[in-house]
PDB file of N, CA and C in Angstrom:
ATOM      1  N   MET A   1      33.785  15.215 325.008  1.00  0.00           N
ATOM      2  CA  MET A   1      34.701  14.455 324.513  1.00  0.00           C
ATOM      3  C   MET A   1      33.485  13.311 324.038  1.00  0.00           C
ATOM      4  N   LEU A   2      33.734  12.164 323.587  1.00  0.00           N
ATOM      5  CA  LEU A   2      33.045  11.537 322.851  1.00  0.00           C
ATOM      6  C   LEU A   2      33.993   9.911 322.511  1.00  0.00           C
ATOM      7  N   LEU A   3      33.240   8.843 323.721  1.00  0.00           N
ATOM      8  CA  LEU A   3      34.264   8.098 323.890  1.00  0.00           C
ATOM      9  C   LEU A   3      33.148   6.925 323.390  1.00  0.00           C
ATOM     10  N   ILE A   4      33.849   5.965 322.982  1.00  0.00           N
ATOM     11  CA  ILE A   4      33.909   4.951 321.589  1.00  0.00           C
ATOM     12  C   ILE A   4      33.895   3.502 322.575  1.00  0.00           C
ATOM     13  N   VAL A   5      33.008   2.579 323.388  1.00  0.00           N
ATOM     14  CA  VAL A   5      33.493   1.372 323.589  1.00  0.00           C
ATOM     15  C   VAL A   5      32.837   0.619 322.545  1.00  0.00           C
ATOM     16  N   GLY A   6      33.667  -1.055 322.204  1.00  0.00           N
ATOM     17  CA  GLY A   6      32.881  -1.840 321.979  1.00  0.00           C
ATOM     18  C   GLY A   6      33.735  -2.987 321.735  1.00  0.00           C
ATOM     19  N   THR A   7      33.038  -3.836 320.875  1.00  0.00           N
ATOM     20  CA  THR A   7      34.127  -5.015 320.215  1.00  0.00           C
ATOM     21  C   THR A   7      33.852  -5.364 318.893  1.00  0.00           C
ATOM     22  N   ILE A   8      34.721  -6.200 318.195  1.00  0.00           N
ATOM     23  CA  ILE A   8      34.813  -7.017 317.129  1.00  0.00           C
ATOM     24  C   ILE A   8      35.351  -8.447 317.351  1.00  0.00           C
ATOM     25  N   ARG A   9      34.540  -9.231 316.449  1.00  0.00           N
ATOM     26  CA  ARG A   9      35.424 -10.796 316.493  1.00  0.00           C
ATOM     27  C   ARG A   9      36.069 -11.107 315.227  1.00  0.00           C
ATOM     28  N   LEU A  10      36.870 -11.941 315.289  1.00  0.00           N
ATOM     29  CA  LEU A  10      37.748 -12.551 314.102  1.00  0.00           C
ATOM     30  C   LEU A  10      37.637 -13.624 314.528  1.00  0.00           C
ATOM     31  N   PRO A  11      38.038 -15.070 313.936  1.00  0.00           N
ATOM     32  CA  PRO A  11      38.542 -16.315 314.201  1.00  0.00           C
ATOM     33  C   PRO A  11      39.548 -16.543 314.619  1.00  0.00           C
ATOM     34  N   ARG A  12      40.299 -17.223 315.872  1.00  0.00           N
ATOM     35  CA  ARG A  12      41.295 -17.445 316.443  1.00  0.00           C
ATOM     36  C   ARG A  12      42.521 -17.169 315.748  1.00  0.00           C
ATOM     37  N   ALA A  13      42.196 -18.031 314.968  1.00  0.00           N
ATOM     38  CA  ALA A  13      43.062 -18.467 313.971  1.00  0.00           C
ATOM     39  C   ALA A  13      43.938 -17.248 313.063  1.00  0.00           C
ATOM     40  N   ASN A  14      43.159 -15.946 312.747  1.00  0.00           N
ATOM     41  CA  ASN A  14      43.246 -14.632 312.116  1.00  0.00           C
ATOM     42  C   ASN A  14      43.465 -13.450 313.163  1.00  0.00           C
ATOM     43  N   VAL A  15      43.954 -14.196 314.393  1.00  0.00           N
ATOM     44  CA  VAL A  15      44.324 -12.810 315.088  1.00  0.00           C
ATOM     45  C   VAL A  15      45.677 -12.198 314.941  1.00  0.00           C
ATOM     46  N   GLU A  16      47.375 -13.114 314.833  1.00  0.00           N
ATOM     47  CA  GLU A  16      47.939 -13.250 314.301  1.00  0.00           C
ATOM     48  C   GLU A  16      47.983 -11.960 312.865  1.00  0.00           C
ATOM     49  N   LYS A  17      47.657 -12.531 312.201  1.00  0.00           N
ATOM     50  CA  LYS A  17      47.914 -12.061 311.046  1.00  0.00           C
ATOM     51  C   LYS A  17      47.041 -10.540 310.914  1.00  0.00           C
ATOM     52  N   ALA A  18      46.213 -10.008 312.012  1.00  0.00           N
ATOM     53  CA  ALA A  18      45.411  -9.208 312.192  1.00  0.00           C
ATOM     54  C   ALA A  18      46.056  -7.884 313.084  1.00  0.00           C
ATOM     55  N   LYS A  19      47.079  -8.877 313.509  1.00  0.00           N
ATOM     56  CA  LYS A  19      47.926  -7.517 314.683  1.00  0.00           C
ATOM     57  C   LYS A  19      48.673  -6.505 313.920  1.00  0.00           C
ATOM     58  N   ALA A  20      49.450  -6.663 312.471  1.00  0.00           N
ATOM     59  CA  ALA A  20      50.187  -6.106 311.928  1.00  0.00           C
ATOM     60  C   ALA A  20      48.755  -4.964 311.143  1.00  0.00           C
ATOM     61  N   VAL A  21      47.772  -5.305 310.558  1.00  0.00           N
ATOM     62  CA  VAL A  21      46.983  -4.100 310.511  1.00  0.00           C
ATOM     63  C   VAL A  21      46.641  -3.793 310.824  1.00  0.00           C
ATOM     64  N   MET A  22      46.126  -4.305 312.401  1.00  0.00           N
ATOM     65  CA  MET A  22      44.999  -3.000 313.491  1.00  0.00           C
ATOM     66  C   MET A  22      46.825  -2.275 313.725  1.00  0.00           C
ATOM     67  N   GLN A  23      47.483  -2.906 313.970  1.00  0.00           N
ATOM     68  CA  GLN A  23      48.565  -1.894 314.882  1.00  0.00           C
ATOM     69  C   GLN A  23      48.796  -0.856 313.846  1.00  0.00           C
ATOM     70  N   ARG A  24      49.033  -0.925 312.273  1.00  0.00           N
ATOM     71  CA  ARG A  24      49.232   0.546 311.591  1.00  0.00           C
ATOM     72  C   ARG A  24      47.694   1.522 311.949  1.00  0.00           C
ATOM     73  N   MET A  25      46.707   0.509 311.722  1.00  0.00           N
ATOM     74  CA  MET A  25      45.225   1.417 312.084  1.00  0.00           C
ATOM     75  C   MET A  25      45.454   2.099 313.033  1.00  0.00           C
ATOM     76  N   ILE A  26      46.071   1.657 314.326  1.00  0.00           N
ATOM     77  CA  ILE A  26      45.456   2.349 315.627  1.00  0.00           C
ATOM     78  C   ILE A  26      47.136   3.338 315.251  1.00  0.00           C
ATOM     79  N   LEU A  27      48.097   3.370 314.708  1.00  0.00           N
ATOM     80  CA  LEU A  27      48.729   4.478 315.017  1.00  0.00           C
ATOM     81  C   LEU A  27      48.443   5.178 314.470  1.00  0.00           C
ATOM     82  N   ALA A  28      48.048   5.178 312.813  1.00  0.00           N
ATOM     83  CA  ALA A  28      47.143   6.970 312.617  1.00  0.00           C
ATOM     84  C   ALA A  28      46.077   6.809 313.015  1.00  0.00           C
ATOM     85  N   SER A  29      45.699   6.371 313.874  1.00  0.00           N
ATOM     86  CA  SER A  29      44.738   6.917 314.134  1.00  0.00           C
ATOM     87  C   SER A  29      44.534   7.885 314.969  1.00  0.00           C
ATOM     88  N   ARG A  30      45.621   7.091 316.174  1.00  0.00           N
ATOM     89  CA  ARG A  30      46.721   7.992 317.445  1.00  0.00           C
ATOM     90  C   ARG A  30      46.953   9.454 317.125  1.00  0.00           C
ATOM     91  N   ALA A  31      47.589   9.586 315.557  1.00  0.00           N
ATOM     92  CA  ALA A  31      48.002  10.653 315.257  1.00  0.00           C
ATOM     93  C   ALA A  31      47.120  11.562 314.762  1.00  0.00           C
ATOM     94  N   GLU A  32      46.027  11.253 314.260  1.00  0.00           N
ATOM     95  CA  GLU A  32      44.556  12.028 313.599  1.00  0.00           C
ATOM     96  C   GLU A  32      44.489  13.493 315.277  1.00  0.00           C
ATOM     97  N   ASP A  33      44.384  14.345 314.617  1.00  0.00           N
ATOM     98  CA  ASP A  33      43.494  15.748 315.347  1.00  0.00           C
ATOM     99  C   ASP A  33      42.611  15.397 316.141  1.00  0.00           C
ATOM    100  N   GLY A  34      42.681  15.305 317.170  1.00  0.00           N
ATOM    101  CA  GLY A  34      41.019  14.817 318.074  1.00  0.00           C
ATOM    102  C   GLY A  34      41.368  13.356 318.757  1.00  0.00           C
ATOM    103  N   SER A  35      41.695  13.024 318.095  1.00  0.00           N
ATOM    104  CA  SER A  35      41.918  11.731 319.044  1.00  0.00           C
ATOM    105  C   SER A  35      42.906  11.912 320.296  1.00  0.00           C
ATOM    106  N   LEU A  36      41.993  11.051 320.927  1.00  0.00           N
ATOM    107  CA  LEU A  36      42.857  11.616 322.381  1.00  0.00           C
ATOM    108  C   LEU A  36      43.205  10.131 323.226  1.00  0.00           C
ATOM    109  N   ALA A  37      42.675   8.946 322.762  1.00  0.00           N
ATOM    110  CA  ALA A  37      42.964   7.561 323.176  1.00  0.00           C
ATOM    111  C   ALA A  37      42.245   6.636 321.672  1.00  0.00           C
ATOM    112  N   TYR A  38      43.276   5.711 321.963  1.00  0.00           N
ATOM    113  CA  TYR A  38      42.602   4.969 320.828  1.00  0.00           C
ATOM    114  C   TYR A  38      43.556   3.536 321.472  1.00  0.00           C
ATOM    115  N   HIS A  39      42.720   2.338 321.787  1.00  0.00           N
ATOM    116  CA  HIS A  39      43.055   0.824 322.298  1.00  0.00           C
ATOM    117  C   HIS A  39      42.196  -0.202 321.957  1.00  0.00           C
ATOM    118  N   TYR A  40      42.908  -1.064 321.181  1.00  0.00           N
ATOM    119  CA  TYR A  40      43.150  -2.226 321.222  1.00  0.00           C
ATOM    120  C   TYR A  40      43.011  -3.578 321.890  1.00  0.00           C
ATOM    121  N   ALA A  41      42.342  -4.531 322.092  1.00  0.00           N
ATOM    122  CA  ALA A  41      42.625  -5.683 323.442  1.00  0.00           C
ATOM    123  C   ALA A  41      41.984  -6.897 322.794  1.00  0.00           C
ATOM    124  N   GLU A  42      42.833  -8.106 322.964  1.00  0.00           N
ATOM    125  CA  GLU A  42      42.127  -9.083 322.731  1.00  0.00           C
ATOM    126  C   GLU A  42      41.904  -9.441 324.161  1.00  0.00           C
ATOM    127  N   ASP A  43      40.138  -9.971 324.266  1.00  0.00           N
ATOM    128  CA  ASP A  43      39.979 -10.762 325.216  1.00  0.00           C
ATOM    129  C   ASP A  43      40.638 -12.111 325.931  1.00  0.00           C
ATOM    130  N   MET A  44      40.799 -11.927 327.195  1.00  0.00           N
ATOM    131  CA  MET A  44      41.839 -12.921 327.898  1.00  0.00           C
ATOM    132  C   MET A  44      41.100 -14.178 328.100  1.00  0.00           C
ATOM    133  N   LEU A  45      39.706 -14.258 328.186  1.00  0.00           N
ATOM    134  CA  LEU A  45      38.902 -15.617 328.200  1.00  0.00           C
ATOM    135  C   LEU A  45      38.039 -15.953 326.945  1.00  0.00           C
ATOM    136  N   ASP A  46      38.615 -15.151 325.898  1.00  0.00           N
ATOM    137  CA  ASP A  46      37.193 -15.374 324.713  1.00  0.00           C
ATOM    138  C   ASP A  46      38.454 -14.791 323.369  1.00  0.00           C
ATOM    139  N   ALA A  47      39.349 -15.856 322.638  1.00  0.00           N
ATOM    140  CA  ALA A  47      40.276 -15.405 321.848  1.00  0.00           C
ATOM    141  C   ALA A  47      39.445 -15.183 320.692  1.00  0.00           C
ATOM    142  N   GLY A  48      40.222 -14.538 320.202  1.00  0.00           N
ATOM    143  CA  GLY A  48      39.322 -13.536 318.793  1.00  0.00           C
ATOM    144  C   GLY A  48      38.956 -12.635 319.112  1.00  0.00           C
ATOM    145  N   LEU A  49      38.193 -12.028 320.291  1.00  0.00           N
ATOM    146  CA  LEU A  49      36.895 -10.948 320.847  1.00  0.00           C
ATOM    147  C   LEU A  49      37.891  -9.952 320.709  1.00  0.00           C
ATOM    148  N   ILE A  50      38.222  -8.773 320.304  1.00  0.00           N
ATOM    149  CA  ILE A  50      38.772  -7.596 320.123  1.00  0.00           C
ATOM    150  C   ILE A  50      37.929  -6.719 321.198  1.00  0.00           C
ATOM    151  N   HIS A  51      38.664  -5.774 321.740  1.00  0.00           N
ATOM    152  CA  HIS A  51      37.764  -5.029 322.591  1.00  0.00           C
ATOM    153  C   HIS A  51      38.591  -3.541 322.364  1.00  0.00           C
ATOM    154  N   MET A  52      37.555  -2.717 322.174  1.00  0.00           N
ATOM    155  CA  MET A  52      37.637  -1.715 321.472  1.00  0.00           C
ATOM    156  C   MET A  52      37.412  -0.479 322.326  1.00  0.00           C
ATOM    157  N   HIS A  53      38.679   0.551 322.791  1.00  0.00           N
ATOM    158  CA  HIS A  53      37.973   1.820 323.581  1.00  0.00           C
ATOM    159  C   HIS A  53      39.038   3.320 322.665  1.00  0.00           C
ATOM    160  N   GLU A  54      37.699   4.299 322.220  1.00  0.00           N
ATOM    161  CA  GLU A  54      38.202   4.877 321.688  1.00  0.00           C
ATOM    162  C   GLU A  54      37.957   6.253 322.623  1.00  0.00           C
ATOM    163  N   LEU A  55      38.891   7.113 322.594  1.00  0.00           N
ATOM    164  CA  LEU A  55      38.015   8.949 323.131  1.00  0.00           C
ATOM    165  C   LEU A  55      38.740   9.898 321.606  1.00  0.00           C
ATOM    166  N   TRP A  56      37.705  10.530 321.582  1.00  0.00           N
ATOM    167  CA  TRP A  56      37.676  11.585 320.289  1.00  0.00           C
ATOM    168  C   TRP A  56      37.325  12.860 321.076  1.00  0.00           C
ATOM    169  N   HIS A  57      38.183  13.987 320.909  1.00  0.00           N
ATOM    170  CA  HIS A  57      37.918  15.296 321.128  1.00  0.00           C
ATOM    171  C   HIS A  57      36.111  15.858 320.970  1.00  0.00           C
ATOM    172  N   ASP A  58      36.038  15.750 320.055  1.00  0.00           N
ATOM    173  CA  ASP A  58      34.144  15.528 319.927  1.00  0.00           C
ATOM    174  C   ASP A  58      33.969  14.886 318.269  1.00  0.00           C
ATOM    175  N   ARG A  59      32.476  14.918 318.250  1.00  0.00           N
ATOM    176  CA  ARG A  59      31.998  14.086 316.825  1.00  0.00           C
ATOM    177  C   ARG A  59      32.339  14.422 315.652  1.00  0.00           C
ATOM    178  N   ALA A  60      33.022  15.966 315.246  1.00  0.00           N
ATOM    179  CA  ALA A  60      33.438  16.289 314.599  1.00  0.00           C
ATOM    180  C   ALA A  60      34.943  15.502 313.993  1.00  0.00           C
ATOM    181  N   ALA A  61      35.684  15.337 314.610  1.00  0.00           N
ATOM    182  CA  ALA A  61      36.514  14.263 315.106  1.00  0.00           C
ATOM    183  C   ALA A  61      36.688  12.900 314.566  1.00  0.00           C
ATOM    184  N   LEU A  62      35.720  12.116 314.996  1.00  0.00           N
ATOM    185  CA  LEU A  62      35.271  10.888 314.628  1.00  0.00           C
ATOM    186  C   LEU A  62      34.580  10.634 313.673  1.00  0.00           C
ATOM    187  N   ASP A  63      34.203  11.947 313.107  1.00  0.00           N
ATOM    188  CA  ASP A  63      33.588  11.947 311.524  1.00  0.00           C
ATOM    189  C   ASP A  63      34.483  11.958 310.743  1.00  0.00           C
ATOM    190  N   ARG A  64      35.755  12.765 310.692  1.00  0.00           N
ATOM    191  CA  ARG A  64      37.233  13.033 310.069  1.00  0.00           C
ATOM    192  C   ARG A  64      37.801  11.916 310.231  1.00  0.00           C
ATOM    193  N   HIS A  65      37.856  10.846 311.178  1.00  0.00           N
ATOM    194  CA  HIS A  65      38.146   9.398 311.428  1.00  0.00           C
ATOM    195  C   HIS A  65      37.888   8.467 310.412  1.00  0.00           C
ATOM    196  N   PHE A  66      36.060   8.727 310.474  1.00  0.00           N
ATOM    197  CA  PHE A  66      35.978   7.296 309.646  1.00  0.00           C
ATOM    198  C   PHE A  66      35.644   7.750 307.939  1.00  0.00           C
ATOM    199  N   ALA A  67      36.139   9.027 307.936  1.00  0.00           N
ATOM    200  CA  ALA A  67      36.548   9.554 306.538  1.00  0.00           C
ATOM    201  C   ALA A  67      37.808   9.350 306.222  1.00  0.00           C
ATOM    202  N   SER A  68      38.855   8.732 307.180  1.00  0.00           N
ATOM    203  CA  SER A  68      40.197   8.569 306.890  1.00  0.00           C
ATOM    204  C   SER A  68      40.322   7.585 305.697  1.00  0.00           C
ATOM    205  N   ALA A  69      41.761   7.331 305.033  1.00  0.00           N
ATOM    206  CA  ALA A  69      42.571   6.667 304.321  1.00  0.00           C
ATOM    207  C   ALA A  69      42.646   5.532 304.857  1.00  0.00           C
ATOM    208  N   HIS A  70      43.101   5.898 306.125  1.00  0.00           N
ATOM    209  CA  HIS A  70      43.430   4.136 307.045  1.00  0.00           C
ATOM    210  C   HIS A  70      42.170   3.581 307.543  1.00  0.00           C
ATOM    211  N   ILE A  71      41.659   4.627 307.731  1.00  0.00           N
ATOM    212  CA  ILE A  71      39.992   3.670 307.966  1.00  0.00           C
ATOM    213  C   ILE A  71      40.068   2.833 307.060  1.00  0.00           C
ATOM    214  N   ALA A  72      39.460   3.279 305.394  1.00  0.00           N
ATOM    215  CA  ALA A  72      39.026   2.665 304.597  1.00  0.00           C
ATOM    216  C   ALA A  72      39.871   1.536 304.162  1.00  0.00           C
ATOM    217  N   ALA A  73      40.880   1.772 304.808  1.00  0.00           N
ATOM    218  CA  ALA A  73      42.094   0.704 304.222  1.00  0.00           C
ATOM    219  C   ALA A  73      41.642  -0.357 304.913  1.00  0.00           C
ATOM    220  N   TRP A  74      41.946  -0.209 306.630  1.00  0.00           N
ATOM    221  CA  TRP A  74      41.720  -0.855 307.121  1.00  0.00           C
ATOM    222  C   TRP A  74      40.127  -1.871 307.214  1.00  0.00           C
ATOM    223  N   ARG A  75      38.950  -1.100 306.641  1.00  0.00           N
ATOM    224  CA  ARG A  75      37.645  -1.984 306.337  1.00  0.00           C
ATOM    225  C   ARG A  75      38.112  -2.410 305.143  1.00  0.00           C
ATOM    226  N   GLU A  76      39.041  -2.512 304.814  1.00  0.00           N
ATOM    227  CA  GLU A  76      39.027  -3.403 303.269  1.00  0.00           C
ATOM    228  C   GLU A  76      39.595  -4.587 303.695  1.00  0.00           C
ATOM    229  N   THR A  77      40.385  -4.774 304.817  1.00  0.00           N
ATOM    230  CA  THR A  77      40.719  -5.838 305.356  1.00  0.00           C
ATOM    231  C   THR A  77      39.944  -6.698 305.856  1.00  0.00           C
ATOM    232  N   TRP A  78      38.694  -6.108 306.166  1.00  0.00           N
ATOM    233  CA  TRP A  78      38.084  -7.271 306.894  1.00  0.00           C
ATOM    234  C   TRP A  78      37.257  -8.458 306.648  1.00  0.00           C
ATOM    235  N   PRO A  79      36.692  -8.821 305.396  1.00  0.00           N
ATOM    236  CA  PRO A  79      36.450 -10.208 304.589  1.00  0.00           C
ATOM    237  C   PRO A  79      37.812 -10.968 304.695  1.00  0.00           C
ATOM    238  N   ALA A  80      38.941 -10.712 304.625  1.00  0.00           N
ATOM    239  CA  ALA A  80      39.820 -11.329 304.343  1.00  0.00           C
ATOM    240  C   ALA A  80      40.232 -11.901 305.723  1.00  0.00           C
ATOM    241  N   LEU A  81      39.841 -10.995 306.760  1.00  0.00           N
ATOM    242  CA  LEU A  81      40.385 -11.510 308.276  1.00  0.00           C
ATOM    243  C   LEU A  81      39.015 -11.888 308.780  1.00  0.00           C
ATOM    244  N   ALA A  82      37.947 -12.356 308.293  1.00  0.00           N
ATOM    245  CA  ALA A  82      36.716 -12.576 308.752  1.00  0.00           C
ATOM    246  C   ALA A  82      36.428 -12.121 310.226  1.00  0.00           C
ATOM    247  N   ILE A  83      36.355 -10.820 309.843  1.00  0.00           N
ATOM    248  CA  ILE A  83      35.594 -10.169 310.915  1.00  0.00           C
ATOM    249  C   ILE A  83      34.189  -9.777 310.921  1.00  0.00           C
ATOM    250  N   THR A  84      33.604 -10.181 311.732  1.00  0.00           N
ATOM    251  CA  THR A  84      32.046  -9.856 312.302  1.00  0.00           C
ATOM    252  C   THR A  84      31.855  -9.291 313.455  1.00  0.00           C
ATOM    253  N   ASP A  85      30.781  -9.431 313.343  1.00  0.00           N
ATOM    254  CA  ASP A  85      29.743  -8.869 314.922  1.00  0.00           C
ATOM    255  C   ASP A  85      30.661  -7.226 315.948  1.00  0.00           C
ATOM    256  N   ARG A  86      31.060  -6.853 314.748  1.00  0.00           N
ATOM    257  CA  ARG A  86      31.304  -5.029 315.096  1.00  0.00           C
ATOM    258  C   ARG A  86      30.298  -4.915 316.002  1.00  0.00           C
ATOM    259  N   ASN A  87      30.701  -4.185 317.128  1.00  0.00           N
ATOM    260  CA  ASN A  87      29.095  -3.524 318.008  1.00  0.00           C
ATOM    261  C   ASN A  87      30.179  -2.172 318.900  1.00  0.00           C
ATOM    262  N   LEU A  88      29.925  -0.766 318.501  1.00  0.00           N
ATOM    263  CA  LEU A  88      30.531   0.280 318.796  1.00  0.00           C
ATOM    264  C   LEU A  88      29.903   1.242 319.365  1.00  0.00           C
ATOM    265  N   LEU A  89      29.493   1.115 320.385  1.00  0.00           N
ATOM    266  CA  LEU A  89      29.042   2.467 321.442  1.00  0.00           C
ATOM    267  C   LEU A  89      29.333   3.497 321.699  1.00  0.00           C
ATOM    268  N   PRO A  90      28.656   4.926 321.134  1.00  0.00           N
ATOM    269  CA  PRO A  90      29.568   6.217 321.832  1.00  0.00           C
ATOM    270  C   PRO A  90      28.477   6.466 322.354  1.00  0.00           C
ATOM    271  N   TYR A  91      29.496   7.095 323.480  1.00  0.00           N
ATOM    272  CA  TYR A  91      28.706   7.810 324.712  1.00  0.00           C
ATOM    273  C   TYR A  91      29.542   9.226 324.663  1.00  0.00           C
ATOM    274  N   GLU A  92      28.643  10.283 325.176  1.00  0.00           N
ATOM    275  CA  GLU A  92      29.347  11.482 325.892  1.00  0.00           C
ATOM    276  C   GLU A  92      29.981  11.392 327.198  1.00  0.00           C
ATOM    277  N   VAL A  93      30.929  12.009 327.152  1.00  0.00           N
ATOM    278  CA  VAL A  93      31.152  12.086 328.648  1.00  0.00           C
ATOM    279  C   VAL A  93      31.851  13.703 328.436  1.00  0.00           C
ATOM    280  N   SER A  94      32.271  13.942 329.825  1.00  0.00           N
ATOM    281  CA  SER A  94      32.650  15.344 330.196  1.00  0.00           C
ATOM    282  C   SER A  94      33.347  15.414 331.353  1.00  0.00           C
ATOM    283  N   ASP A  95      34.309  15.850 331.842  1.00  0.00           N
ATOM    284  CA  ASP A  95      35.251  15.888 332.713  1.00  0.00           C
ATOM    285  C   ASP A  95      35.708  14.734 333.399  1.00  0.00           C
ATOM    286  N   PRO A  96      36.065  13.831 332.772  1.00  0.00           N
ATOM    287  CA  PRO A  96      36.515  12.898 333.369  1.00  0.00           C
ATOM    288  C   PRO A  96      37.292  12.456 334.329  1.00  0.00           C
ATOM    289  N   GLU A  97      37.592  11.912 335.543  1.00  0.00           N
ATOM    290  CA  GLU A  97      38.156  11.834 337.024  1.00  0.00           C
ATOM    291  C   GLU A  97      38.629  10.482 337.457  1.00  0.00           C
ATOM    292  N   PRO A  98      39.710  10.511 337.625  1.00  0.00           N
ATOM    293  CA  PRO A  98      40.125   8.525 338.193  1.00  0.00           C
ATOM    294  C   PRO A  98      38.963   8.211 339.777  1.00  0.00           C
ATOM    295  N   VAL A  99      38.726   7.222 339.442  1.00  0.00           N
ATOM    296  CA  VAL A  99      37.719   6.522 340.445  1.00  0.00           C
ATOM    297  C   VAL A  99      38.495   5.781 341.337  1.00  0.00           C
TER     298      VAL A  99
END
């Protein structure tokens, strides 16, 4: 499995209008074959900092995700929403278990 963890940033004033766009993209991503988890959450202490957590079956599923129409549409909104500081890192994981 491939775990993607990271953040993006946008101005505090744009968070509300970004929520609808993010919701559409998240729901479409969760419906993809190979998507095991897909979550965005705003930082409690740093408004406009969005934490991202994704879990994919494998790299092929992630590659299909990056090629999807909903990701292209999401990326087209970045300039208008002033999204910056995209910082996502992939991690190979196997046999996750509760801590």
